[in-house]
């Protein structure tokens, strides 16, 4: 369900607050681990870039989630912003 009383949360915020910070890893370390540029992780965290299906798949393998988890976050955010 798309939130109607507040702004939808960008997947970058979830990435930062639910995964990167609690795990004590850096954006650079995450980028190196999954094989993408550190700038891409930083742009996702800063909410200037959305998640692609490929990135969702990489996050799901790394964080033991599903690609649908990440894509649903992105879809909800995109729908809210449109």
Protein backbone atom coordinates (compact mmCIF):
# COMPACT_ATOMS: atom_id res chain seq x y z
CA UNK A 1 0.00 0.00 0.00
CA UNK A 2 1.26 3.44 -0.89
CA UNK A 3 1.40 5.76 2.12
CA UNK A 4 -1.07 8.61 1.76
CA UNK A 5 -0.23 10.55 4.91
CA UNK A 6 3.53 10.79 4.43
CA UNK A 7 6.17 10.72 1.74
CA UNK A 8 7.12 7.22 0.61
CA UNK A 9 10.55 6.19 1.82
CA UNK A 10 13.26 6.02 -0.80
CA UNK A 11 15.08 2.67 -0.91
CA UNK A 12 18.34 4.56 -0.32
CA UNK A 13 17.15 5.58 3.13
CA UNK A 14 16.25 1.97 3.94
CA UNK A 15 19.63 0.86 2.63
CA UNK A 16 21.43 3.35 4.85
CA UNK A 17 19.39 3.10 8.05
CA UNK A 18 18.47 -0.60 8.03
CA UNK A 19 21.55 -2.16 6.49
CA UNK A 20 24.70 -0.03 6.08
CA UNK A 21 24.71 1.74 9.46
CA UNK A 22 23.62 -1.24 11.64
CA UNK A 23 26.15 -3.51 9.92
CA UNK A 24 28.92 -0.96 10.37
CA UNK A 25 30.02 -1.09 6.74
CA UNK A 26 30.95 1.73 4.44
CA UNK A 27 29.34 2.55 1.14
CA UNK A 28 32.67 1.88 -0.53
CA UNK A 29 32.99 -1.55 1.09
CA UNK A 30 29.46 -2.45 0.01
CA UNK A 31 30.16 -1.32 -3.54
CA UNK A 32 33.34 -3.36 -3.72
CA UNK A 33 31.58 -6.42 -2.29
CA UNK A 34 28.80 -6.41 -4.88
CA UNK A 35 30.93 -5.15 -7.77
CA UNK A 36 29.43 -1.77 -8.59
CA UNK A 37 30.90 1.75 -8.41
CA UNK A 38 30.89 3.41 -4.98
CA UNK A 39 29.32 6.47 -6.63
CA UNK A 40 26.26 4.37 -7.50
CA UNK A 41 25.76 3.37 -3.86
CA UNK A 42 26.26 6.97 -2.78
CA UNK A 43 23.71 8.26 -5.28
CA UNK A 44 21.16 5.69 -4.09
CA UNK A 45 21.76 6.67 -0.45
CA UNK A 46 21.47 10.38 -1.34
CA UNK A 47 18.20 9.58 -3.14
CA UNK A 48 19.34 10.94 -6.50
CA UNK A 49 19.31 7.51 -8.15
CA UNK A 50 16.74 4.77 -8.07
CA UNK A 51 17.29 1.04 -7.94
CA UNK A 52 17.47 -1.04 -11.08
CA UNK A 53 16.34 -4.66 -11.09
CA UNK A 54 20.01 -5.67 -11.27
CA UNK A 55 20.90 -3.63 -8.19
CA UNK A 56 17.87 -5.02 -6.36
CA UNK A 57 19.09 -8.51 -7.17
CA UNK A 58 22.61 -7.71 -5.89
CA UNK A 59 21.22 -6.20 -2.66
CA UNK A 60 18.96 -9.20 -2.12
CA UNK A 61 21.89 -11.61 -2.34
CA UNK A 62 24.04 -9.46 -0.04
CA UNK A 63 21.44 -8.72 2.64
CA UNK A 64 19.45 -11.99 2.49
CA UNK A 65 16.29 -10.23 1.31
CA UNK A 66 14.40 -10.60 -1.95
CA UNK A 67 14.70 -8.50 -5.10
CA UNK A 68 10.97 -7.81 -4.72
CA UNK A 69 11.62 -6.13 -1.36
CA UNK A 70 13.88 -3.57 -3.02
CA UNK A 71 11.80 -3.17 -6.17
CA UNK A 72 8.62 -2.65 -4.13
CA UNK A 73 10.34 0.12 -2.18
CA UNK A 74 11.39 1.74 -5.45
CA UNK A 75 7.96 1.31 -7.05
CA UNK A 76 6.18 2.82 -4.04
CA UNK A 77 8.55 5.78 -4.09
CA UNK A 78 8.15 6.27 -7.84
CA UNK A 79 4.37 6.12 -7.61
CA UNK A 80 4.32 8.62 -4.77
CA UNK A 81 6.51 11.04 -6.72
CA UNK A 82 4.54 10.82 -9.97
